[in-house]
């Protein structure tokens, strides 16, 4: 009996041949602002120093949360309030100091007490109010069990807590080094900027450059192929691109840098260059906000038809063609509030209010406001910014063409705009946007549309929405996501906002640089990058 053997005629891919010089180099437009995780807030700082610091968990290339110093997911108590974290043995800081439960408790207490821009992520931990007000420096909800185990007890059920503890305020810092070098000085010198990530800072010229190298014997294992990372602080983008094109930079885009429109379009449209430009969702949504408290759009039901008409009168493709630089900086928003690439995105075309229909929009508007009295002297308010000005000009032209309504553009300085919009709901129609802090719908709904939210500007109040979101907030994301999606569709179906565009992050990368790029929220880890012989 003869046996037939199936063989593939496809040859195996050639083995990678690495370049001798494994230096990854790239520019950033502005110098890093704060190297202390407790005070960090800039996306540039976070993306660079997530290679230097680490915590219990980290996010992989697909934004999935995976263990880092933790051995696995936390144990959760029956009441859903206490999380027990188990630490791996043998984890150390870059100077060799062991990492224990005491270091995490110290680091978290310190970050909460520092009251940096992101300290609010600790607000669900028992005892935070006392720390936030300065009455104590320790969170009562943090308790050491043993050297490699500690617990965090919350003041309410929060299924998003495991996502939060993967963020930068929860990175562990070396209390021994801080005590010796000084609270305000330890992060100012490479020799005392001690983290637990795969790389360490080796040199810094303030306002000019930063250099990093792999940490020898890093607890996480291999640090990858790179031997050095060099970052220039260079605001002149033509100079950045010139140096990139001459081979002086490996890429442009790390540190969440943005390309100038003409440069992005050049690389997007030139067939010889297009392969070097990668575009990914940026976790950012722009929308028209409506005042649900006062004015013509007020009332979930009474203002619904007007809001819906104004939304469907917008040709988002035409808007994106005018504002998104050939689709390199943004794309039409058709899938609801939460931007593409994040949990809670409703799906392409899932928002019927985003479907352009000028005829239906005008008929709906005229039925809602037959005499044009409701929107007489209507204005769209935005904060001072060239993009926002162009956005308002485009929207005003479309509404006049498609609805027969003249909408004035009102520009307000950024500080007053936010003061008047957020919490006060001072504007009838306004520019709104949100850039995700982390990958959980709670970050959008609680801060923007829950009753009492101070960041949305709409003064939207709906008990049904609040109940859905509160229920989802209390569950692990996998279980809460269906409720979050229902809440997202509730906003869509009630035309609470008019989504416009989703942001895009750009990466300009040489073909011989492998593993560089990013996802919706973060640049890829430096451990994944390597440079081929070229």
Protein backbone atom coordinates (compact mmCIF):
# COMPACT_ATOMS: atom_id res chain seq x y z
CA UNK A 1 0.00 0.00 0.00
CA UNK A 2 1.41 3.34 -1.05
CA UNK A 3 0.89 6.38 1.11
CA UNK A 4 0.71 9.74 -0.62
CA UNK A 5 2.55 12.53 1.08
CA UNK A 6 1.40 16.13 0.69
CA UNK A 7 4.21 18.59 0.50
CA UNK A 8 4.09 22.32 0.20
CA UNK A 9 5.85 24.02 -2.67
CA UNK A 10 5.96 27.27 -0.71
CA UNK A 11 9.50 27.82 0.52
CA UNK A 12 9.95 28.90 4.14
CA UNK A 13 10.46 32.61 4.69
CA UNK A 14 14.10 33.63 4.65
CA UNK A 15 15.75 33.97 8.03
CA UNK A 16 16.09 37.52 9.26
CA UNK A 17 19.56 38.97 9.01
CA UNK A 18 19.98 41.66 11.61
CA UNK A 19 22.03 44.79 11.13
CA UNK A 20 25.18 45.09 13.17
CA UNK A 21 24.02 48.40 14.61
CA UNK A 22 20.85 47.77 16.60
CA UNK A 23 20.16 51.40 17.47
CA UNK A 24 16.55 52.52 17.25
CA UNK A 25 16.39 56.27 16.75
CA UNK A 26 13.45 58.65 16.47
CA UNK A 27 12.49 62.27 17.22
CA UNK A 28 9.92 63.79 19.54
CA UNK A 29 8.64 67.33 19.06
CA UNK A 30 8.77 68.31 22.74
CA UNK A 31 10.98 67.12 25.55
CA UNK A 32 9.58 64.75 28.13
CA UNK A 33 7.84 66.69 30.88
CA UNK A 34 7.85 64.52 33.98
CA UNK A 35 9.74 61.30 34.56
CA UNK A 36 7.98 60.43 37.82
CA UNK A 37 5.09 57.99 37.22
CA UNK A 38 3.12 59.65 40.02
CA UNK A 39 3.12 62.95 38.11
CA UNK A 40 3.19 61.73 34.51
CA UNK A 41 0.38 62.82 32.19
CA UNK A 42 1.79 63.42 28.70
CA UNK A 43 1.16 60.60 26.19
CA UNK A 44 4.75 61.07 25.01
CA UNK A 45 6.10 60.51 28.51
CA UNK A 46 3.89 57.47 29.06
CA UNK A 47 4.82 55.82 25.77
CA UNK A 48 8.54 56.29 26.27
CA UNK A 49 8.76 55.42 29.95
CA UNK A 50 6.52 52.36 29.83
CA UNK A 51 9.76 50.76 28.58
CA UNK A 52 11.57 51.89 31.76
CA UNK A 53 8.90 51.26 34.41
CA UNK A 54 6.49 48.39 34.89
CA UNK A 55 3.72 47.24 37.18
CA UNK A 56 1.50 44.30 37.96
CA UNK A 57 0.17 44.15 34.41
CA UNK A 58 0.92 45.53 30.97
CA UNK A 59 -0.90 45.73 27.65
CA UNK A 60 0.20 43.69 24.67
CA UNK A 61 0.15 44.74 21.03
CA UNK A 62 -3.58 43.96 20.80
CA UNK A 63 -4.35 45.97 23.98
CA UNK A 64 -5.00 42.81 25.96
CA UNK A 65 -3.93 43.09 29.57
CA UNK A 66 -1.34 40.46 30.52
CA UNK A 67 0.60 39.79 33.72
CA UNK A 68 3.93 41.49 34.24
CA UNK A 69 5.10 41.41 37.85
CA UNK A 70 1.83 39.76 38.89
CA UNK A 71 1.70 35.99 38.45
CA UNK A 72 -1.80 36.14 36.97
CA UNK A 73 -5.23 37.71 37.45
CA UNK A 74 -6.08 38.89 40.95
CA UNK A 75 -8.26 36.79 43.23
CA UNK A 76 -11.60 38.52 43.81
CA UNK A 77 -13.57 38.29 47.03
CA UNK A 78 -17.18 37.13 47.05
CA UNK A 79 -18.45 40.68 47.60
CA UNK A 80 -16.48 41.94 44.59
CA UNK A 81 -14.59 44.53 46.63
CA UNK A 82 -11.21 42.99 47.52
CA UNK A 83 -8.59 42.04 44.95
CA UNK A 84 -5.65 39.90 46.02
CA UNK A 85 -2.52 40.31 43.90
CA UNK A 86 0.25 37.73 43.80
CA UNK A 87 3.74 38.83 42.74
CA UNK A 88 6.30 36.79 40.90
CA UNK A 89 9.43 35.91 42.87
CA UNK A 90 12.71 37.20 41.51
CA UNK A 91 11.47 40.46 39.98
CA UNK A 92 13.93 43.27 40.55
CA UNK A 93 14.48 46.92 39.77
CA UNK A 94 17.14 47.79 37.21
CA UNK A 95 19.69 48.22 40.03
CA UNK A 96 19.02 44.73 41.38
CA UNK A 97 16.81 45.70 44.33
CA UNK A 98 14.08 43.05 44.82
CA UNK A 99 10.46 44.01 44.21
CA UNK A 100 8.04 43.07 46.96
CA UNK A 101 4.52 43.89 48.09
CA UNK A 102 5.93 46.73 50.21
CA UNK A 103 7.19 48.43 47.05
CA UNK A 104 3.79 48.33 45.40
CA UNK A 105 1.97 49.60 48.48
CA UNK A 106 4.53 52.40 48.82
CA UNK A 107 4.30 53.30 45.12
CA UNK A 108 0.50 53.38 45.03
CA UNK A 109 0.22 55.37 48.26
CA UNK A 110 2.81 57.79 46.97
CA UNK A 111 1.07 58.29 43.62
CA UNK A 112 -2.30 58.85 45.30
CA UNK A 113 -0.84 61.33 47.77
CA UNK A 114 1.07 63.26 45.08
CA UNK A 115 -2.27 64.20 43.52
CA UNK A 116 -0.90 64.32 39.99
CA UNK A 117 -3.18 64.70 36.97
CA UNK A 118 -4.05 61.00 37.02
CA UNK A 119 -4.37 60.47 40.79
CA UNK A 120 -8.14 60.08 40.40
CA UNK A 121 -7.63 56.50 39.22
CA UNK A 122 -7.15 55.62 42.91
CA UNK A 123 -10.52 57.10 43.89
CA UNK A 124 -12.24 53.71 44.08
CA UNK A 125 -9.76 52.45 46.70
CA UNK A 126 -10.96 52.57 50.30
CA UNK A 127 -9.46 55.55 52.10
CA UNK A 128 -8.78 57.64 49.01
CA UNK A 129 -10.80 60.64 50.17
CA UNK A 130 -8.55 61.00 53.23
CA UNK A 131 -5.42 60.76 51.08
CA UNK A 132 -6.77 63.15 48.44
CA UNK A 133 -7.55 65.77 51.07
CA UNK A 134 -4.11 65.43 52.64
CA UNK A 135 -5.32 64.02 55.96
CA UNK A 136 -3.17 60.91 55.53
CA UNK A 137 -0.63 59.52 53.10
CA UNK A 138 -1.79 55.92 53.10
CA UNK A 139 -4.77 54.24 51.47
CA UNK A 140 -6.57 52.14 54.06
CA UNK A 141 -7.63 49.77 51.30
CA UNK A 142 -4.08 48.56 50.62
CA UNK A 143 -2.93 45.74 52.92
CA UNK A 144 0.18 43.57 52.80
CA UNK A 145 -0.42 39.83 53.22
CA UNK A 146 3.19 38.71 52.82
CA UNK A 147 6.25 39.77 50.83
CA UNK A 148 4.67 38.65 47.56
CA UNK A 149 0.97 39.19 48.22
CA UNK A 150 -1.14 42.26 48.90
CA UNK A 151 -4.79 43.26 48.66
CA UNK A 152 -6.67 46.30 47.47
CA UNK A 153 -10.15 46.83 48.89
CA UNK A 154 -12.45 49.16 47.00
CA UNK A 155 -15.22 51.42 48.22
CA UNK A 156 -17.54 50.11 45.48
CA UNK A 157 -17.61 47.32 42.95
CA UNK A 158 -15.54 48.39 39.94
CA UNK A 159 -14.98 45.86 37.22
CA UNK A 160 -12.67 48.32 35.49
CA UNK A 161 -10.21 48.25 38.42
CA UNK A 162 -7.99 45.55 36.84
CA UNK A 163 -7.64 47.77 33.75
CA UNK A 164 -6.67 50.76 35.87
CA UNK A 165 -3.89 48.93 37.71
CA UNK A 166 -2.14 48.42 34.37
CA UNK A 167 -1.74 52.20 33.94
CA UNK A 168 1.31 54.37 34.70
CA UNK A 169 0.29 55.71 38.14
CA UNK A 170 0.47 52.08 39.29
CA UNK A 171 4.02 51.49 38.08
CA UNK A 172 6.31 50.44 40.89
CA UNK A 173 9.17 52.73 42.01
CA UNK A 174 12.16 51.95 44.24
CA UNK A 175 11.52 53.42 47.70
CA UNK A 176 15.16 52.88 48.74
CA UNK A 177 16.48 54.93 45.83
CA UNK A 178 13.93 57.70 46.38
CA UNK A 179 14.81 57.89 50.07
CA UNK A 180 18.53 58.16 49.27
CA UNK A 181 18.37 60.46 46.23
CA UNK A 182 15.53 62.69 47.36
CA UNK A 183 11.82 62.88 46.57
CA UNK A 184 12.24 65.67 44.02
CA UNK A 185 15.60 64.63 42.59
CA UNK A 186 15.64 60.86 42.03
CA UNK A 187 14.11 61.05 38.56
CA UNK A 188 16.38 63.86 37.35
CA UNK A 189 19.53 61.75 36.85
CA UNK A 190 19.99 58.57 34.82
CA UNK A 191 21.83 56.85 37.66
CA UNK A 192 18.91 57.29 40.08
CA UNK A 193 16.01 56.99 37.62
CA UNK A 194 15.48 53.39 38.61
CA UNK A 195 12.60 51.43 37.14
CA UNK A 196 11.72 47.79 36.64
CA UNK A 197 11.16 47.75 32.87
CA UNK A 198 13.39 46.21 30.20
CA UNK A 199 15.29 49.45 29.46
CA UNK A 200 17.04 52.10 31.51
CA UNK A 201 17.90 55.72 30.84
CA UNK A 202 21.67 56.10 30.32
CA UNK A 203 21.98 59.73 29.26
CA UNK A 204 19.87 62.84 28.98
CA UNK A 205 20.58 66.30 27.64
CA UNK A 206 17.54 68.32 28.71
CA UNK A 207 15.73 69.72 25.71
CA UNK A 208 18.03 67.86 23.33
CA UNK A 209 18.16 64.09 23.61
CA UNK A 210 17.65 60.90 25.62
CA UNK A 211 19.47 57.57 25.40
CA UNK A 212 18.44 54.16 26.72
CA UNK A 213 19.95 50.68 26.88
CA UNK A 214 18.59 47.24 27.81
CA UNK A 215 18.65 46.23 31.46
CA UNK A 216 21.10 43.35 31.98
CA UNK A 217 19.45 40.24 33.42
CA UNK A 218 15.98 41.81 33.27
CA UNK A 219 13.50 39.70 35.24
CA UNK A 220 11.17 39.50 32.23
CA UNK A 221 13.70 37.61 30.13
CA UNK A 222 14.94 38.75 26.74
CA UNK A 223 14.88 42.47 26.06
CA UNK A 224 14.94 41.92 22.30
CA UNK A 225 17.51 42.77 19.65
CA UNK A 226 17.97 46.47 20.29
CA UNK A 227 21.16 47.60 21.98
CA UNK A 228 20.42 51.31 22.17
CA UNK A 229 17.52 53.73 21.78
CA UNK A 230 18.32 57.31 20.88
CA UNK A 231 15.67 60.04 20.97
CA UNK A 232 16.18 63.56 19.70
CA UNK A 233 14.03 66.47 20.85
CA UNK A 234 13.38 68.18 17.52
CA UNK A 235 10.35 70.35 16.86
CA UNK A 236 11.22 71.13 13.23
CA UNK A 237 9.28 68.48 11.34
CA UNK A 238 10.87 69.10 7.91
CA UNK A 239 14.20 68.52 9.65
CA UNK A 240 12.79 65.34 11.24
CA UNK A 241 11.69 64.01 7.86
CA UNK A 242 14.91 64.99 6.15
CA UNK A 243 16.89 63.07 8.74
CA UNK A 244 14.50 60.12 8.47
CA UNK A 245 14.81 60.01 4.68
CA UNK A 246 18.60 60.07 4.90
CA UNK A 247 18.53 57.09 7.30
CA UNK A 248 19.30 59.11 10.41
CA UNK A 249 16.05 58.04 12.10
CA UNK A 250 14.52 54.58 12.20
CA UNK A 251 11.00 55.95 12.38
CA UNK A 252 8.78 58.92 13.19
CA UNK A 253 5.68 58.45 15.33
CA UNK A 254 6.89 57.00 18.62
CA UNK A 255 5.87 59.18 21.53
CA UNK A 256 2.55 59.64 19.66
CA UNK A 257 4.05 62.23 17.33
CA UNK A 258 1.83 63.57 14.54
CA UNK A 259 2.93 64.18 10.97
CA UNK A 260 2.29 67.51 9.27
CA UNK A 261 -0.56 67.15 6.74
CA UNK A 262 1.60 67.67 3.64
CA UNK A 263 4.11 65.07 4.78
CA UNK A 264 1.42 62.53 5.69
CA UNK A 265 -0.32 63.01 2.34
CA UNK A 266 2.97 62.64 0.47
CA UNK A 267 3.65 59.25 2.04
CA UNK A 268 0.03 58.15 1.68
CA UNK A 269 -0.29 58.96 -2.03
CA UNK A 270 3.16 58.24 -3.48
CA UNK A 271 3.18 54.51 -4.43
CA UNK A 272 6.93 54.36 -3.86
CA UNK A 273 6.57 55.62 -0.29
CA UNK A 274 3.15 54.37 0.83
CA UNK A 275 4.53 51.18 2.38
CA UNK A 276 6.41 53.21 4.98
CA UNK A 277 3.28 54.85 6.41
CA UNK A 278 1.16 52.89 8.87
CA UNK A 279 -2.13 54.27 10.16
CA UNK A 280 -3.91 52.95 13.25
CA UNK A 281 -6.97 54.18 15.20
CA UNK A 282 -5.94 56.73 17.80
CA UNK A 283 -8.62 56.29 20.48
CA UNK A 284 -9.98 59.77 19.76
CA UNK A 285 -13.47 60.89 18.73
CA UNK A 286 -14.73 64.33 17.70
CA UNK A 287 -18.44 65.09 17.83
CA UNK A 288 -21.02 67.86 17.89
CA UNK A 289 -22.31 68.25 21.42
CA UNK A 290 -25.88 69.39 22.07
CA UNK A 291 -27.21 71.12 25.17
CA UNK A 292 -29.84 68.79 26.65
CA UNK A 293 -30.69 71.16 29.50
CA UNK A 294 -31.64 74.45 27.82
CA UNK A 295 -32.15 75.76 24.31
CA UNK A 296 -33.71 74.22 21.19
CA UNK A 297 -32.10 70.80 21.59
CA UNK A 298 -33.11 70.36 25.24
CA UNK A 299 -35.02 67.32 26.37
CA UNK A 300 -34.24 63.75 25.39
CA UNK A 301 -37.52 63.44 23.49
CA UNK A 302 -38.46 67.02 22.63
CA UNK A 303 -35.08 67.85 21.08
CA UNK A 304 -34.44 64.46 19.51
CA UNK A 305 -35.72 65.23 16.01
CA UNK A 306 -33.71 68.44 15.83
CA UNK A 307 -30.52 66.76 16.96
CA UNK A 308 -31.08 63.88 14.55
CA UNK A 309 -31.72 66.25 11.65
CA UNK A 310 -28.56 68.23 12.33
CA UNK A 311 -26.57 64.98 12.50
CA UNK A 312 -27.91 63.38 9.32
CA UNK A 313 -27.42 66.66 7.45
CA UNK A 314 -23.65 66.20 7.82
CA UNK A 315 -21.81 64.51 4.97
CA UNK A 316 -19.03 62.96 7.02
CA UNK A 317 -17.12 61.78 3.99
CA UNK A 318 -16.99 65.35 2.67
CA UNK A 319 -16.01 66.54 6.15
CA UNK A 320 -13.21 64.00 6.36
CA UNK A 321 -12.04 64.78 2.81
CA UNK A 322 -11.68 68.40 3.85
CA UNK A 323 -10.12 67.93 7.27
CA UNK A 324 -8.40 64.54 7.49
CA UNK A 325 -5.48 64.96 5.06
CA UNK A 326 -6.35 62.11 2.71
CA UNK A 327 -7.51 60.01 5.65
CA UNK A 328 -4.13 60.12 7.37
CA UNK A 329 -5.25 62.02 10.48
CA UNK A 330 -8.89 61.00 10.87
CA UNK A 331 -11.74 59.02 9.32
CA UNK A 332 -15.55 59.42 9.33
CA UNK A 333 -17.14 58.35 12.61
CA UNK A 334 -19.96 55.91 11.92
CA UNK A 335 -19.75 53.49 14.85
CA UNK A 336 -20.91 55.50 17.84
CA UNK A 337 -19.22 57.49 20.57
CA UNK A 338 -16.32 55.16 21.42
CA UNK A 339 -13.71 55.22 18.70
CA UNK A 340 -12.68 52.33 16.53
CA UNK A 341 -10.07 50.02 18.01
CA UNK A 342 -11.43 50.12 21.56
CA UNK A 343 -13.80 47.90 23.54
CA UNK A 344 -17.28 49.38 23.24
CA UNK A 345 -16.97 50.39 19.58
CA UNK A 346 -20.37 49.59 18.10
CA UNK A 347 -19.17 48.66 14.61
CA UNK A 348 -18.78 50.33 11.24
CA UNK A 349 -22.04 51.94 10.17
CA UNK A 350 -23.78 51.13 13.46
CA UNK A 351 -24.81 54.75 14.06
CA UNK A 352 -27.82 55.60 11.83
CA UNK A 353 -27.48 59.26 12.80
CA UNK A 354 -24.14 59.29 10.99
CA UNK A 355 -25.69 58.31 7.66
CA UNK A 356 -25.91 61.36 5.41
CA UNK A 357 -29.38 62.04 3.96
CA UNK A 358 -29.90 65.71 3.11
CA UNK A 359 -33.48 65.31 1.89
CA UNK A 360 -34.66 63.37 4.94
CA UNK A 361 -32.72 65.66 7.26
CA UNK A 362 -34.39 68.78 5.89
CA UNK A 363 -37.85 67.23 6.06
CA UNK A 364 -37.26 66.12 9.66
CA UNK A 365 -35.93 69.54 10.62
CA UNK A 366 -38.84 71.42 9.04
CA UNK A 367 -41.35 69.19 10.80
CA UNK A 368 -39.59 69.86 14.11
CA UNK A 369 -39.07 73.61 13.58
CA UNK A 370 -41.47 74.70 10.79
CA UNK A 371 -41.00 78.43 11.34
CA UNK A 372 -37.26 78.37 11.99
CA UNK A 373 -37.80 79.95 15.40
CA UNK A 374 -36.08 77.28 17.49
CA UNK A 375 -32.65 77.65 15.91
CA UNK A 376 -32.72 81.34 15.09
CA UNK A 377 -29.27 82.85 15.71
CA UNK A 378 -27.85 79.38 16.47
CA UNK A 379 -24.10 79.27 17.05
CA UNK A 380 -21.52 76.49 17.21
CA UNK A 381 -18.86 77.19 19.83
CA UNK A 382 -15.34 75.82 19.83
CA UNK A 383 -12.00 76.45 21.49
CA UNK A 384 -9.22 78.27 19.63
CA UNK A 385 -7.53 75.81 17.30
CA UNK A 386 -7.05 75.77 13.49
CA UNK A 387 -8.65 72.33 13.18
CA UNK A 388 -11.68 73.39 15.22
CA UNK A 389 -12.08 76.54 13.15
CA UNK A 390 -11.98 74.54 9.91
CA UNK A 391 -14.41 72.06 11.43
CA UNK A 392 -16.94 74.76 12.28
CA UNK A 393 -16.60 76.38 8.86
CA UNK A 394 -17.31 73.07 7.15
CA UNK A 395 -20.25 72.21 9.40
CA UNK A 396 -21.75 75.68 8.99
CA UNK A 397 -21.55 75.41 5.21
CA UNK A 398 -23.13 71.95 5.22
CA UNK A 399 -25.98 72.95 7.53
CA UNK A 400 -26.75 76.01 5.40
CA UNK A 401 -26.71 73.94 2.21
CA UNK A 402 -28.61 70.92 3.52
CA UNK A 403 -30.97 72.46 6.08
CA UNK A 404 -31.17 76.08 4.95
CA UNK A 405 -29.93 77.25 8.37
CA UNK A 406 -27.16 79.73 9.04
CA UNK A 407 -25.09 78.66 12.03
CA UNK A 408 -22.53 81.11 13.35
CA UNK A 409 -19.04 80.06 14.45
CA UNK A 410 -17.96 81.34 17.86
CA UNK A 411 -14.34 80.92 18.93
CA UNK A 412 -13.52 80.99 22.64
CA UNK A 413 -10.11 80.76 24.31
CA UNK A 414 -9.39 77.26 25.58
CA UNK A 415 -9.61 78.00 29.31
CA UNK A 416 -12.96 79.77 29.16
CA UNK A 417 -14.32 77.25 26.67
CA UNK A 418 -13.70 74.33 28.99
CA UNK A 419 -14.92 76.21 32.05
CA UNK A 420 -18.18 77.17 30.35
CA UNK A 421 -18.78 73.90 28.55
CA UNK A 422 -17.85 71.36 31.19
CA UNK A 423 -20.29 71.31 34.06
CA UNK A 424 -22.06 74.57 33.15
CA UNK A 425 -23.47 73.41 29.82
CA UNK A 426 -23.26 76.98 28.56
CA UNK A 427 -23.32 76.29 24.82
CA UNK A 428 -26.25 75.23 22.63
CA UNK A 429 -24.07 73.36 20.13
CA UNK A 430 -20.35 72.90 20.58
CA UNK A 431 -17.20 71.05 19.62
CA UNK A 432 -16.50 68.08 21.87
CA UNK A 433 -13.91 65.34 21.80
CA UNK A 434 -12.51 62.63 24.01
CA UNK A 435 -9.19 60.83 23.88
CA UNK A 436 -9.31 57.53 25.74
CA UNK A 437 -7.30 57.23 28.93
CA UNK A 438 -7.60 53.44 28.91
CA UNK A 439 -9.44 50.69 27.10
CA UNK A 440 -12.72 50.47 28.96
CA UNK A 441 -16.09 52.09 28.11
CA UNK A 442 -16.34 53.31 31.69
CA UNK A 443 -13.73 55.91 30.79
CA UNK A 444 -16.18 57.42 28.28
CA UNK A 445 -19.61 57.01 29.81
CA UNK A 446 -18.90 57.93 33.44
CA UNK A 447 -17.02 61.09 32.58
CA UNK A 448 -19.14 62.30 29.67
CA UNK A 449 -22.79 61.25 29.87
CA UNK A 450 -23.64 59.82 33.29
CA UNK A 451 -25.86 62.12 35.35
CA UNK A 452 -23.65 64.68 37.02
CA UNK A 453 -20.71 64.13 34.63
CA UNK A 454 -18.59 67.26 34.43
CA UNK A 455 -16.72 66.60 31.18
CA UNK A 456 -19.49 66.14 28.62
CA UNK A 457 -20.99 69.61 28.34
CA UNK A 458 -24.47 68.30 27.49
CA UNK A 459 -26.08 68.03 30.95
CA UNK A 460 -27.59 64.75 29.79
CA UNK A 461 -29.52 62.94 32.53
CA UNK A 462 -31.18 59.60 31.86
CA UNK A 463 -31.87 57.10 34.68
CA UNK A 464 -32.00 54.22 32.17
CA UNK A 465 -28.53 55.07 30.89
CA UNK A 466 -27.18 55.51 34.43
CA UNK A 467 -28.54 52.12 35.48
CA UNK A 468 -26.98 50.37 32.49
CA UNK A 469 -23.59 51.98 33.02
CA UNK A 470 -23.54 51.49 36.79
CA UNK A 471 -24.35 47.83 36.31
CA UNK A 472 -21.63 47.43 33.69
CA UNK A 473 -19.11 49.33 35.84
CA UNK A 474 -19.56 46.80 38.63
CA UNK A 475 -18.77 43.80 36.43
CA UNK A 476 -15.58 42.50 34.84
CA UNK A 477 -15.33 43.96 31.35
CA UNK A 478 -16.17 40.70 29.60
CA UNK A 479 -19.47 40.56 31.48
CA UNK A 480 -20.19 44.29 31.45
CA UNK A 481 -19.48 44.89 27.77
CA UNK A 482 -22.99 43.92 26.56
CA UNK A 483 -24.53 46.51 28.91
CA UNK A 484 -22.01 49.12 27.80
CA UNK A 485 -22.97 48.44 24.19
CA UNK A 486 -26.66 48.83 24.98
CA UNK A 487 -25.82 52.14 26.66
CA UNK A 488 -23.87 53.17 23.58
CA UNK A 489 -26.83 52.40 21.33
CA UNK A 490 -29.12 54.31 23.69
CA UNK A 491 -27.03 57.44 23.12
CA UNK A 492 -27.08 56.79 19.38
CA UNK A 493 -30.81 56.15 19.15
CA UNK A 494 -31.60 59.29 21.15
CA UNK A 495 -29.19 61.36 18.98
CA UNK A 496 -27.52 62.72 22.08
CA UNK A 497 -24.46 63.69 20.02
CA UNK A 498 -23.41 63.85 16.37
CA UNK A 499 -20.19 61.89 15.93
CA UNK A 500 -17.90 63.41 13.30
CA UNK A 501 -14.48 61.76 12.93
CA UNK A 502 -12.22 59.27 14.66
CA UNK A 503 -8.56 60.13 15.05
CA UNK A 504 -5.66 58.22 13.53
CA UNK A 505 -2.09 57.73 14.72
CA UNK A 506 0.62 57.74 12.06
CA UNK A 507 3.90 55.84 12.00
CA UNK A 508 6.55 56.45 9.37
CA UNK A 509 8.85 53.42 9.49
CA UNK A 510 11.69 52.26 7.23
CA UNK A 511 11.07 48.83 5.64
CA UNK A 512 14.11 47.40 7.41
CA UNK A 513 12.77 48.30 10.86
CA UNK A 514 10.62 45.40 12.06
CA UNK A 515 8.19 45.35 14.98
CA UNK A 516 7.79 49.12 15.27
CA UNK A 517 4.41 50.82 15.29
CA UNK A 518 1.55 50.91 17.73
CA UNK A 519 -2.06 50.22 18.59
CA UNK A 520 -5.01 52.44 19.47
CA UNK A 521 -3.46 53.68 22.73
CA UNK A 522 0.24 52.87 22.87
CA UNK A 523 3.40 52.52 20.84
CA UNK A 524 4.69 48.97 20.62
CA UNK A 525 7.29 47.99 23.21
CA UNK A 526 10.90 48.50 22.23
CA UNK A 527 11.50 44.82 22.98
CA UNK A 528 9.58 43.96 19.80
CA UNK A 529 11.66 46.11 17.44
CA UNK A 530 14.69 45.01 15.45
CA UNK A 531 16.66 46.38 12.54
CA UNK A 532 17.43 44.24 9.52
CA UNK A 533 20.60 44.42 7.50
CA UNK A 534 20.14 47.01 4.78
